[in-house]
Amino acid sequence: YTYFFNLDTVIHSVNIIDSISIEKK
């Protein structure tokens, strides 16, 4: 077995990162 994950939310600061989009949860 391994674990799979369901990504709910990504929160980030905005110093060099402008945005993050979730393409596949």
mmCIF file of all heavy atoms, coordinates in Angstrom:
data_MODEL
# 
_entry.id   MODEL 
# 
loop_
_atom_site.group_PDB 
_atom_site.id 
_atom_site.type_symbol 
_atom_site.label_atom_id 
_atom_site.label_alt_id 
_atom_site.label_comp_id 
_atom_site.label_asym_id 
_atom_site.label_entity_id 
_atom_site.label_seq_id 
_atom_site.pdbx_PDB_ins_code 
_atom_site.Cartn_x 
_atom_site.Cartn_y 
_atom_site.Cartn_z 
_atom_site.occupancy 
_atom_site.B_iso_or_equiv 
_atom_site.pdbx_formal_charge 
_atom_site.auth_seq_id 
_atom_site.auth_comp_id 
_atom_site.auth_asym_id 
_atom_site.auth_atom_id 
_atom_site.pdbx_PDB_model_num 
ATOM 1   N N   . TYR A 1 1  ? 0.821   -1.206 0.000   1.00 0.00 ? 1  TYR A N   1 
ATOM 2   C CA  . TYR A 1 1  ? 0.000   0.000  0.000   1.00 0.00 ? 1  TYR A CA  1 
ATOM 3   C C   . TYR A 1 1  ? 0.859   1.262  0.000   1.00 0.00 ? 1  TYR A C   1 
ATOM 4   O O   . TYR A 1 1  ? 1.992   1.277  0.471   1.00 0.00 ? 1  TYR A O   1 
ATOM 5   C CB  . TYR A 1 1  ? -0.881  0.048  1.255   1.00 0.00 ? 1  TYR A CB  1 
ATOM 6   C CG  . TYR A 1 1  ? -2.034  -0.923 1.213   1.00 0.00 ? 1  TYR A CG  1 
ATOM 7   C CD1 . TYR A 1 1  ? -1.892  -2.222 1.671   1.00 0.00 ? 1  TYR A CD1 1 
ATOM 8   C CD2 . TYR A 1 1  ? -3.274  -0.530 0.711   1.00 0.00 ? 1  TYR A CD2 1 
ATOM 9   C CE1 . TYR A 1 1  ? -2.947  -3.122 1.635   1.00 0.00 ? 1  TYR A CE1 1 
ATOM 10  C CE2 . TYR A 1 1  ? -4.340  -1.414 0.675   1.00 0.00 ? 1  TYR A CE2 1 
ATOM 11  C CZ  . TYR A 1 1  ? -4.170  -2.705 1.136   1.00 0.00 ? 1  TYR A CZ  1 
ATOM 12  O OH  . TYR A 1 1  ? -5.215  -3.581 1.086   1.00 0.00 ? 1  TYR A OH  1 
ATOM 13  N N   . THR A 1 2  ? 0.278   2.314  -0.507  1.00 0.00 ? 2  THR A N   1 
ATOM 14  C CA  . THR A 1 2  ? 0.794   3.662  -0.358  1.00 0.00 ? 2  THR A CA  1 
ATOM 15  C C   . THR A 1 2  ? -0.408  4.539  -0.040  1.00 0.00 ? 2  THR A C   1 
ATOM 16  O O   . THR A 1 2  ? -1.528  4.055  0.061   1.00 0.00 ? 2  THR A O   1 
ATOM 17  C CB  . THR A 1 2  ? 1.518   4.159  -1.623  1.00 0.00 ? 2  THR A CB  1 
ATOM 18  O OG1 . THR A 1 2  ? 2.195   5.385  -1.316  1.00 0.00 ? 2  THR A OG1 1 
ATOM 19  C CG2 . THR A 1 2  ? 0.556   4.385  -2.774  1.00 0.00 ? 2  THR A CG2 1 
ATOM 20  N N   . TYR A 1 3  ? -0.185  5.808  0.135   1.00 0.00 ? 3  TYR A N   1 
ATOM 21  C CA  . TYR A 1 3  ? -1.291  6.740  0.368   1.00 0.00 ? 3  TYR A CA  1 
ATOM 22  C C   . TYR A 1 3  ? -1.434  7.676  -0.822  1.00 0.00 ? 3  TYR A C   1 
ATOM 23  O O   . TYR A 1 3  ? -0.448  8.180  -1.354  1.00 0.00 ? 3  TYR A O   1 
ATOM 24  C CB  . TYR A 1 3  ? -1.060  7.553  1.653   1.00 0.00 ? 3  TYR A CB  1 
ATOM 25  C CG  . TYR A 1 3  ? -1.386  6.771  2.890   1.00 0.00 ? 3  TYR A CG  1 
ATOM 26  C CD1 . TYR A 1 3  ? -0.413  6.003  3.517   1.00 0.00 ? 3  TYR A CD1 1 
ATOM 27  C CD2 . TYR A 1 3  ? -2.670  6.769  3.407   1.00 0.00 ? 3  TYR A CD2 1 
ATOM 28  C CE1 . TYR A 1 3  ? -0.725  5.254  4.644   1.00 0.00 ? 3  TYR A CE1 1 
ATOM 29  C CE2 . TYR A 1 3  ? -2.985  6.031  4.529   1.00 0.00 ? 3  TYR A CE2 1 
ATOM 30  C CZ  . TYR A 1 3  ? -2.008  5.272  5.145   1.00 0.00 ? 3  TYR A CZ  1 
ATOM 31  O OH  . TYR A 1 3  ? -2.328  4.535  6.246   1.00 0.00 ? 3  TYR A OH  1 
ATOM 32  N N   . PHE A 1 4  ? -2.663  7.891  -1.234  1.00 0.00 ? 4  PHE A N   1 
ATOM 33  C CA  . PHE A 1 4  ? -3.016  8.918  -2.197  1.00 0.00 ? 4  PHE A CA  1 
ATOM 34  C C   . PHE A 1 4  ? -3.632  10.067 -1.402  1.00 0.00 ? 4  PHE A C   1 
ATOM 35  O O   . PHE A 1 4  ? -4.077  9.878  -0.267  1.00 0.00 ? 4  PHE A O   1 
ATOM 36  C CB  . PHE A 1 4  ? -4.019  8.407  -3.226  1.00 0.00 ? 4  PHE A CB  1 
ATOM 37  C CG  . PHE A 1 4  ? -3.424  7.521  -4.299  1.00 0.00 ? 4  PHE A CG  1 
ATOM 38  C CD1 . PHE A 1 4  ? -2.089  7.177  -4.328  1.00 0.00 ? 4  PHE A CD1 1 
ATOM 39  C CD2 . PHE A 1 4  ? -4.234  7.032  -5.298  1.00 0.00 ? 4  PHE A CD2 1 
ATOM 40  C CE1 . PHE A 1 4  ? -1.561  6.361  -5.325  1.00 0.00 ? 4  PHE A CE1 1 
ATOM 41  C CE2 . PHE A 1 4  ? -3.730  6.220  -6.301  1.00 0.00 ? 4  PHE A CE2 1 
ATOM 42  C CZ  . PHE A 1 4  ? -2.392  5.883  -6.312  1.00 0.00 ? 4  PHE A CZ  1 
ATOM 43  N N   . PHE A 1 5  ? -3.651  11.249 -1.986  1.00 0.00 ? 5  PHE A N   1 
ATOM 44  C CA  . PHE A 1 5  ? -4.107  12.450 -1.293  1.00 0.00 ? 5  PHE A CA  1 
ATOM 45  C C   . PHE A 1 5  ? -5.136  13.194 -2.139  1.00 0.00 ? 5  PHE A C   1 
ATOM 46  O O   . PHE A 1 5  ? -5.065  13.179 -3.364  1.00 0.00 ? 5  PHE A O   1 
ATOM 47  C CB  . PHE A 1 5  ? -2.932  13.386 -1.013  1.00 0.00 ? 5  PHE A CB  1 
ATOM 48  C CG  . PHE A 1 5  ? -1.861  12.768 -0.170  1.00 0.00 ? 5  PHE A CG  1 
ATOM 49  C CD1 . PHE A 1 5  ? -0.818  12.066 -0.752  1.00 0.00 ? 5  PHE A CD1 1 
ATOM 50  C CD2 . PHE A 1 5  ? -1.905  12.872 1.211   1.00 0.00 ? 5  PHE A CD2 1 
ATOM 51  C CE1 . PHE A 1 5  ? 0.166   11.486 0.022   1.00 0.00 ? 5  PHE A CE1 1 
ATOM 52  C CE2 . PHE A 1 5  ? -0.920  12.289 1.997   1.00 0.00 ? 5  PHE A CE2 1 
ATOM 53  C CZ  . PHE A 1 5  ? 0.109   11.597 1.401   1.00 0.00 ? 5  PHE A CZ  1 
ATOM 54  N N   . ASN A 1 6  ? -6.055  13.853 -1.468  1.00 0.00 ? 6  ASN A N   1 
ATOM 55  C CA  . ASN A 1 6  ? -6.983  14.786 -2.104  1.00 0.00 ? 6  ASN A CA  1 
ATOM 56  C C   . ASN A 1 6  ? -6.625  16.182 -1.612  1.00 0.00 ? 6  ASN A C   1 
ATOM 57  O O   . ASN A 1 6  ? -6.839  16.509 -0.441  1.00 0.00 ? 6  ASN A O   1 
ATOM 58  C CB  . ASN A 1 6  ? -8.438  14.456 -1.750  1.00 0.00 ? 6  ASN A CB  1 
ATOM 59  C CG  . ASN A 1 6  ? -8.934  13.232 -2.473  1.00 0.00 ? 6  ASN A CG  1 
ATOM 60  O OD1 . ASN A 1 6  ? -8.674  13.051 -3.647  1.00 0.00 ? 6  ASN A OD1 1 
ATOM 61  N ND2 . ASN A 1 6  ? -9.639  12.372 -1.761  1.00 0.00 ? 6  ASN A ND2 1 
ATOM 62  N N   . LEU A 1 7  ? -6.072  16.973 -2.493  1.00 0.00 ? 7  LEU A N   1 
ATOM 63  C CA  . LEU A 1 7  ? -5.630  18.317 -2.152  1.00 0.00 ? 7  LEU A CA  1 
ATOM 64  C C   . LEU A 1 7  ? -6.838  19.242 -2.090  1.00 0.00 ? 7  LEU A C   1 
ATOM 65  O O   . LEU A 1 7  ? -7.615  19.339 -3.043  1.00 0.00 ? 7  LEU A O   1 
ATOM 66  C CB  . LEU A 1 7  ? -4.631  18.800 -3.196  1.00 0.00 ? 7  LEU A CB  1 
ATOM 67  C CG  . LEU A 1 7  ? -3.948  20.123 -2.953  1.00 0.00 ? 7  LEU A CG  1 
ATOM 68  C CD1 . LEU A 1 7  ? -3.189  20.116 -1.627  1.00 0.00 ? 7  LEU A CD1 1 
ATOM 69  C CD2 . LEU A 1 7  ? -2.998  20.427 -4.097  1.00 0.00 ? 7  LEU A CD2 1 
ATOM 70  N N   . ASP A 1 8  ? -6.990  19.908 -0.964  1.00 0.00 ? 8  ASP A N   1 
ATOM 71  C CA  . ASP A 1 8  ? -8.121  20.802 -0.758  1.00 0.00 ? 8  ASP A CA  1 
ATOM 72  C C   . ASP A 1 8  ? -7.733  22.252 -1.032  1.00 0.00 ? 8  ASP A C   1 
ATOM 73  O O   . ASP A 1 8  ? -8.390  22.954 -1.786  1.00 0.00 ? 8  ASP A O   1 
ATOM 74  C CB  . ASP A 1 8  ? -8.643  20.656 0.676   1.00 0.00 ? 8  ASP A CB  1 
ATOM 75  C CG  . ASP A 1 8  ? -9.814  21.559 0.959   1.00 0.00 ? 8  ASP A CG  1 
ATOM 76  O OD1 . ASP A 1 8  ? -10.795 21.501 0.194   1.00 0.00 ? 8  ASP A OD1 1 
ATOM 77  O OD2 . ASP A 1 8  ? -9.736  22.333 1.924   1.00 0.00 ? 8  ASP A OD2 1 
ATOM 78  N N   . THR A 1 9  ? -6.636  22.704 -0.411  1.00 0.00 ? 9  THR A N   1 
ATOM 79  C CA  . THR A 1 9  ? -6.274  24.117 -0.449  1.00 0.00 ? 9  THR A CA  1 
ATOM 80  C C   . THR A 1 9  ? -4.763  24.277 -0.492  1.00 0.00 ? 9  THR A C   1 
ATOM 81  O O   . THR A 1 9  ? -4.037  23.508 0.138   1.00 0.00 ? 9  THR A O   1 
ATOM 82  C CB  . THR A 1 9  ? -6.791  24.836 0.821   1.00 0.00 ? 9  THR A CB  1 
ATOM 83  O OG1 . THR A 1 9  ? -8.188  24.570 0.970   1.00 0.00 ? 9  THR A OG1 1 
ATOM 84  C CG2 . THR A 1 9  ? -6.564  26.324 0.768   1.00 0.00 ? 9  THR A CG2 1 
ATOM 85  N N   . VAL A 1 10 ? -4.307  25.291 -1.219  1.00 0.00 ? 10 VAL A N   1 
ATOM 86  C CA  . VAL A 1 10 ? -2.906  25.717 -1.183  1.00 0.00 ? 10 VAL A CA  1 
ATOM 87  C C   . VAL A 1 10 ? -2.895  27.197 -0.839  1.00 0.00 ? 10 VAL A C   1 
ATOM 88  O O   . VAL A 1 10 ? -3.527  28.003 -1.519  1.00 0.00 ? 10 VAL A O   1 
ATOM 89  C CB  . VAL A 1 10 ? -2.180  25.491 -2.527  1.00 0.00 ? 10 VAL A CB  1 
ATOM 90  C CG1 . VAL A 1 10 ? -0.744  26.004 -2.453  1.00 0.00 ? 10 VAL A CG1 1 
ATOM 91  C CG2 . VAL A 1 10 ? -2.207  24.034 -2.927  1.00 0.00 ? 10 VAL A CG2 1 
ATOM 92  N N   . ILE A 1 11 ? -2.201  27.533 0.235   1.00 0.00 ? 11 ILE A N   1 
ATOM 93  C CA  . ILE A 1 11 ? -2.049  28.925 0.677   1.00 0.00 ? 11 ILE A CA  1 
ATOM 94  C C   . ILE A 1 11 ? -0.573  29.275 0.527   1.00 0.00 ? 11 ILE A C   1 
ATOM 95  O O   . ILE A 1 11 ? 0.286   28.462 0.863   1.00 0.00 ? 11 ILE A O   1 
ATOM 96  C CB  . ILE A 1 11 ? -2.493  29.084 2.145   1.00 0.00 ? 11 ILE A CB  1 
ATOM 97  C CG1 . ILE A 1 11 ? -3.954  28.655 2.297   1.00 0.00 ? 11 ILE A CG1 1 
ATOM 98  C CG2 . ILE A 1 11 ? -2.280  30.525 2.621   1.00 0.00 ? 11 ILE A CG2 1 
ATOM 99  C CD1 . ILE A 1 11 ? -4.383  28.469 3.740   1.00 0.00 ? 11 ILE A CD1 1 
ATOM 100 N N   . HIS A 1 12 ? -0.283  30.467 0.012   1.00 0.00 ? 12 HIS A N   1 
ATOM 101 C CA  . HIS A 1 12 ? 1.128   30.840 -0.199  1.00 0.00 ? 12 HIS A CA  1 
ATOM 102 C C   . HIS A 1 12 ? 1.332   32.329 0.030   1.00 0.00 ? 12 HIS A C   1 
ATOM 103 O O   . HIS A 1 12 ? 0.395   33.124 -0.093  1.00 0.00 ? 12 HIS A O   1 
ATOM 104 C CB  . HIS A 1 12 ? 1.576   30.456 -1.615  1.00 0.00 ? 12 HIS A CB  1 
ATOM 105 C CG  . HIS A 1 12 ? 0.819   31.191 -2.683  1.00 0.00 ? 12 HIS A CG  1 
ATOM 106 N ND1 . HIS A 1 12 ? 1.196   32.413 -3.159  1.00 0.00 ? 12 HIS A ND1 1 
ATOM 107 C CD2 . HIS A 1 12 ? -0.308  30.863 -3.353  1.00 0.00 ? 12 HIS A CD2 1 
ATOM 108 C CE1 . HIS A 1 12 ? 0.357   32.814 -4.077  1.00 0.00 ? 12 HIS A CE1 1 
ATOM 109 N NE2 . HIS A 1 12 ? -0.592  31.889 -4.209  1.00 0.00 ? 12 HIS A NE2 1 
ATOM 110 N N   . SER A 1 13 ? 2.571   32.678 0.342   1.00 0.00 ? 13 SER A N   1 
ATOM 111 C CA  . SER A 1 13 ? 2.927   34.093 0.412   1.00 0.00 ? 13 SER A CA  1 
ATOM 112 C C   . SER A 1 13 ? 3.216   34.571 -1.014  1.00 0.00 ? 13 SER A C   1 
ATOM 113 O O   . SER A 1 13 ? 3.279   33.772 -1.956  1.00 0.00 ? 13 SER A O   1 
ATOM 114 C CB  . SER A 1 13 ? 4.142   34.295 1.327   1.00 0.00 ? 13 SER A CB  1 
ATOM 115 O OG  . SER A 1 13 ? 5.249   33.555 0.849   1.00 0.00 ? 13 SER A OG  1 
ATOM 116 N N   . VAL A 1 14 ? 3.373   35.881 -1.190  1.00 0.00 ? 14 VAL A N   1 
ATOM 117 C CA  . VAL A 1 14 ? 3.531   36.442 -2.539  1.00 0.00 ? 14 VAL A CA  1 
ATOM 118 C C   . VAL A 1 14 ? 4.773   37.329 -2.634  1.00 0.00 ? 14 VAL A C   1 
ATOM 119 O O   . VAL A 1 14 ? 4.685   38.500 -2.953  1.00 0.00 ? 14 VAL A O   1 
ATOM 120 C CB  . VAL A 1 14 ? 2.261   37.218 -2.986  1.00 0.00 ? 14 VAL A CB  1 
ATOM 121 C CG1 . VAL A 1 14 ? 1.130   36.277 -3.284  1.00 0.00 ? 14 VAL A CG1 1 
ATOM 122 C CG2 . VAL A 1 14 ? 1.837   38.232 -1.950  1.00 0.00 ? 14 VAL A CG2 1 
ATOM 123 N N   . ASN A 1 15 ? 5.921   36.745 -2.373  1.00 0.00 ? 15 ASN A N   1 
ATOM 124 C CA  . ASN A 1 15 ? 7.176   37.480 -2.543  1.00 0.00 ? 15 ASN A CA  1 
ATOM 125 C C   . ASN A 1 15 ? 7.678   37.359 -3.982  1.00 0.00 ? 15 ASN A C   1 
ATOM 126 O O   . ASN A 1 15 ? 7.829   38.364 -4.664  1.00 0.00 ? 15 ASN A O   1 
ATOM 127 C CB  . ASN A 1 15 ? 8.212   36.995 -1.538  1.00 0.00 ? 15 ASN A CB  1 
ATOM 128 C CG  . ASN A 1 15 ? 7.775   37.310 -0.128  1.00 0.00 ? 15 ASN A CG  1 
ATOM 129 O OD1 . ASN A 1 15 ? 7.311   38.412 0.156   1.00 0.00 ? 15 ASN A OD1 1 
ATOM 130 N ND2 . ASN A 1 15 ? 7.860   36.336 0.757   1.00 0.00 ? 15 ASN A ND2 1 
ATOM 131 N N   . ILE A 1 16 ? 7.935   36.125 -4.433  1.00 0.00 ? 16 ILE A N   1 
ATOM 132 C CA  . ILE A 1 16 ? 8.259   35.900 -5.849  1.00 0.00 ? 16 ILE A CA  1 
ATOM 133 C C   . ILE A 1 16 ? 7.131   35.125 -6.533  1.00 0.00 ? 16 ILE A C   1 
ATOM 134 O O   . ILE A 1 16 ? 6.910   35.265 -7.716  1.00 0.00 ? 16 ILE A O   1 
ATOM 135 C CB  . ILE A 1 16 ? 9.620   35.198 -6.034  1.00 0.00 ? 16 ILE A CB  1 
ATOM 136 C CG1 . ILE A 1 16 ? 10.056  35.283 -7.503  1.00 0.00 ? 16 ILE A CG1 1 
ATOM 137 C CG2 . ILE A 1 16 ? 9.580   33.768 -5.526  1.00 0.00 ? 16 ILE A CG2 1 
ATOM 138 C CD1 . ILE A 1 16 ? 11.510  34.909 -7.749  1.00 0.00 ? 16 ILE A CD1 1 
ATOM 139 N N   . ILE A 1 17 ? 6.407   34.334 -5.757  1.00 0.00 ? 17 ILE A N   1 
ATOM 140 C CA  . ILE A 1 17 ? 5.273   33.598 -6.315  1.00 0.00 ? 17 ILE A CA  1 
ATOM 141 C C   . ILE A 1 17 ? 4.103   34.554 -6.494  1.00 0.00 ? 17 ILE A C   1 
ATOM 142 O O   . ILE A 1 17 ? 3.717   35.259 -5.568  1.00 0.00 ? 17 ILE A O   1 
ATOM 143 C CB  . ILE A 1 17 ? 4.855   32.429 -5.403  1.00 0.00 ? 17 ILE A CB  1 
ATOM 144 C CG1 . ILE A 1 17 ? 5.958   31.372 -5.342  1.00 0.00 ? 17 ILE A CG1 1 
ATOM 145 C CG2 . ILE A 1 17 ? 3.556   31.796 -5.894  1.00 0.00 ? 17 ILE A CG2 1 
ATOM 146 C CD1 . ILE A 1 17 ? 5.675   30.252 -4.365  1.00 0.00 ? 17 ILE A CD1 1 
ATOM 147 N N   . ASP A 1 18 ? 3.554   34.562 -7.703  1.00 0.00 ? 18 ASP A N   1 
ATOM 148 C CA  . ASP A 1 18 ? 2.376   35.384 -7.975  1.00 0.00 ? 18 ASP A CA  1 
ATOM 149 C C   . ASP A 1 18 ? 1.108   34.610 -7.633  1.00 0.00 ? 18 ASP A C   1 
ATOM 150 O O   . ASP A 1 18 ? 0.225   35.121 -6.972  1.00 0.00 ? 18 ASP A O   1 
ATOM 151 C CB  . ASP A 1 18 ? 2.355   35.802 -9.446  1.00 0.00 ? 18 ASP A CB  1 
ATOM 152 C CG  . ASP A 1 18 ? 1.122   36.610 -9.784  1.00 0.00 ? 18 ASP A CG  1 
ATOM 153 O OD1 . ASP A 1 18 ? 1.144   37.831 -9.511  1.00 0.00 ? 18 ASP A OD1 1 
ATOM 154 O OD2 . ASP A 1 18 ? 0.138   36.025 -10.271 1.00 0.00 ? 18 ASP A OD2 1 
ATOM 155 N N   . SER A 1 19 ? 1.049   33.363 -8.112  1.00 0.00 ? 19 SER A N   1 
ATOM 156 C CA  . SER A 1 19 ? -0.130  32.547 -7.866  1.00 0.00 ? 19 SER A CA  1 
ATOM 157 C C   . SER A 1 19 ? 0.208   31.073 -8.040  1.00 0.00 ? 19 SER A C   1 
ATOM 158 O O   . SER A 1 19 ? 1.210   30.724 -8.650  1.00 0.00 ? 19 SER A O   1 
ATOM 159 C CB  . SER A 1 19 ? -1.272  32.937 -8.813  1.00 0.00 ? 19 SER A CB  1 
ATOM 160 O OG  . SER A 1 19 ? -0.876  32.757 -10.156 1.00 0.00 ? 19 SER A OG  1 
ATOM 161 N N   . ILE A 1 20 ? -0.662  30.225 -7.490  1.00 0.00 ? 20 ILE A N   1 
ATOM 162 C CA  . ILE A 1 20 ? -0.556  28.777 -7.652  1.00 0.00 ? 20 ILE A CA  1 
ATOM 163 C C   . ILE A 1 20 ? -1.938  28.269 -8.022  1.00 0.00 ? 20 ILE A C   1 
ATOM 164 O O   . ILE A 1 20 ? -2.911  28.551 -7.324  1.00 0.00 ? 20 ILE A O   1 
ATOM 165 C CB  . ILE A 1 20 ? -0.055  28.088 -6.375  1.00 0.00 ? 20 ILE A CB  1 
ATOM 166 C CG1 . ILE A 1 20 ? 1.357   28.553 -6.030  1.00 0.00 ? 20 ILE A CG1 1 
ATOM 167 C CG2 . ILE A 1 20 ? -0.099  26.561 -6.530  1.00 0.00 ? 20 ILE A CG2 1 
ATOM 168 C CD1 . ILE A 1 20 ? 1.909   27.975 -4.739  1.00 0.00 ? 20 ILE A CD1 1 
ATOM 169 N N   . SER A 1 21 ? -2.016  27.535 -9.110  1.00 0.00 ? 21 SER A N   1 
ATOM 170 C CA  . SER A 1 21 ? -3.294  26.943 -9.494  1.00 0.00 ? 21 SER A CA  1 
ATOM 171 C C   . SER A 1 21 ? -3.228  25.436 -9.272  1.00 0.00 ? 21 SER A C   1 
ATOM 172 O O   . SER A 1 21 ? -2.208  24.802 -9.524  1.00 0.00 ? 21 SER A O   1 
ATOM 173 C CB  . SER A 1 21 ? -3.641  27.255 -10.949 1.00 0.00 ? 21 SER A CB  1 
ATOM 174 O OG  . SER A 1 21 ? -2.754  26.608 -11.827 1.00 0.00 ? 21 SER A OG  1 
ATOM 175 N N   . ILE A 1 22 ? -4.328  24.892 -8.775  1.00 0.00 ? 22 ILE A N   1 
ATOM 176 C CA  . ILE A 1 22 ? -4.440  23.449 -8.592  1.00 0.00 ? 22 ILE A CA  1 
ATOM 177 C C   . ILE A 1 22 ? -4.991  22.874 -9.883  1.00 0.00 ? 22 ILE A C   1 
ATOM 178 O O   . ILE A 1 22 ? -6.116  23.179 -10.265 1.00 0.00 ? 22 ILE A O   1 
ATOM 179 C CB  . ILE A 1 22 ? -5.347  23.099 -7.393  1.00 0.00 ? 22 ILE A CB  1 
ATOM 180 C CG1 . ILE A 1 22 ? -4.778  23.678 -6.098  1.00 0.00 ? 22 ILE A CG1 1 
ATOM 181 C CG2 . ILE A 1 22 ? -5.507  21.585 -7.289  1.00 0.00 ? 22 ILE A CG2 1 
ATOM 182 C CD1 . ILE A 1 22 ? -5.698  23.506 -4.896  1.00 0.00 ? 22 ILE A CD1 1 
ATOM 183 N N   . GLU A 1 23 ? -4.187  22.064 -10.565 1.00 0.00 ? 23 GLU A N   1 
ATOM 184 C CA  . GLU A 1 23 ? -4.584  21.467 -11.834 1.00 0.00 ? 23 GLU A CA  1 
ATOM 185 C C   . GLU A 1 23 ? -5.246  20.117 -11.646 1.00 0.00 ? 23 GLU A C   1 
ATOM 186 O O   . GLU A 1 23 ? -6.135  19.755 -12.402 1.00 0.00 ? 23 GLU A O   1 
ATOM 187 C CB  . GLU A 1 23 ? -3.366  21.331 -12.757 1.00 0.00 ? 23 GLU A CB  1 
ATOM 188 C CG  . GLU A 1 23 ? -2.742  22.650 -13.126 1.00 0.00 ? 23 GLU A CG  1 
ATOM 189 C CD  . GLU A 1 23 ? -3.694  23.567 -13.860 1.00 0.00 ? 23 GLU A CD  1 
ATOM 190 O OE1 . GLU A 1 23 ? -4.312  23.120 -14.848 1.00 0.00 ? 23 GLU A OE1 1 
ATOM 191 O OE2 . GLU A 1 23 ? -3.843  24.734 -13.444 1.00 0.00 ? 23 GLU A OE2 1 
ATOM 192 N N   . LYS A 1 24 ? -4.774  19.360 -10.694 1.00 0.00 ? 24 LYS A N   1 
ATOM 193 C CA  . LYS A 1 24 ? -5.333  18.041 -10.408 1.00 0.00 ? 24 LYS A CA  1 
ATOM 194 C C   . LYS A 1 24 ? -5.288  17.843 -8.902  1.00 0.00 ? 24 LYS A C   1 
ATOM 195 O O   . LYS A 1 24 ? -4.215  17.781 -8.306  1.00 0.00 ? 24 LYS A O   1 
ATOM 196 C CB  . LYS A 1 24 ? -4.535  16.959 -11.122 1.00 0.00 ? 24 LYS A CB  1 
ATOM 197 C CG  . LYS A 1 24 ? -5.119  15.575 -10.964 1.00 0.00 ? 24 LYS A CG  1 
ATOM 198 C CD  . LYS A 1 24 ? -4.600  14.640 -12.029 1.00 0.00 ? 24 LYS A CD  1 
ATOM 199 C CE  . LYS A 1 24 ? -5.115  13.251 -11.900 1.00 0.00 ? 24 LYS A CE  1 
ATOM 200 N NZ  . LYS A 1 24 ? -6.528  13.071 -11.938 1.00 0.00 ? 24 LYS A NZ  1 
ATOM 201 N N   . LYS A 1 25 ? -6.449  17.748 -8.279  1.00 0.00 ? 25 LYS A N   1 
ATOM 202 C CA  . LYS A 1 25 ? -6.537  17.661 -6.820  1.00 0.00 ? 25 LYS A CA  1 
ATOM 203 C C   . LYS A 1 25 ? -6.106  16.313 -6.261  1.00 0.00 ? 25 LYS A C   1 
ATOM 204 O O   . LYS A 1 25 ? -5.653  16.225 -5.140  1.00 0.00 ? 25 LYS A O   1 
ATOM 205 C CB  . LYS A 1 25 ? -7.972  17.957 -6.363  1.00 0.00 ? 25 LYS A CB  1 
ATOM 206 C CG  . LYS A 1 25 ? -8.348  19.399 -6.497  1.00 0.00 ? 25 LYS A CG  1 
ATOM 207 C CD  . LYS A 1 25 ? -9.738  19.649 -5.949  1.00 0.00 ? 25 LYS A CD  1 
ATOM 208 C CE  . LYS A 1 25 ? -10.013 21.132 -5.917  1.00 0.00 ? 25 LYS A CE  1 
ATOM 209 N NZ  . LYS A 1 25 ? -10.289 21.620 -4.606  1.00 0.00 ? 25 LYS A NZ  1 
# 
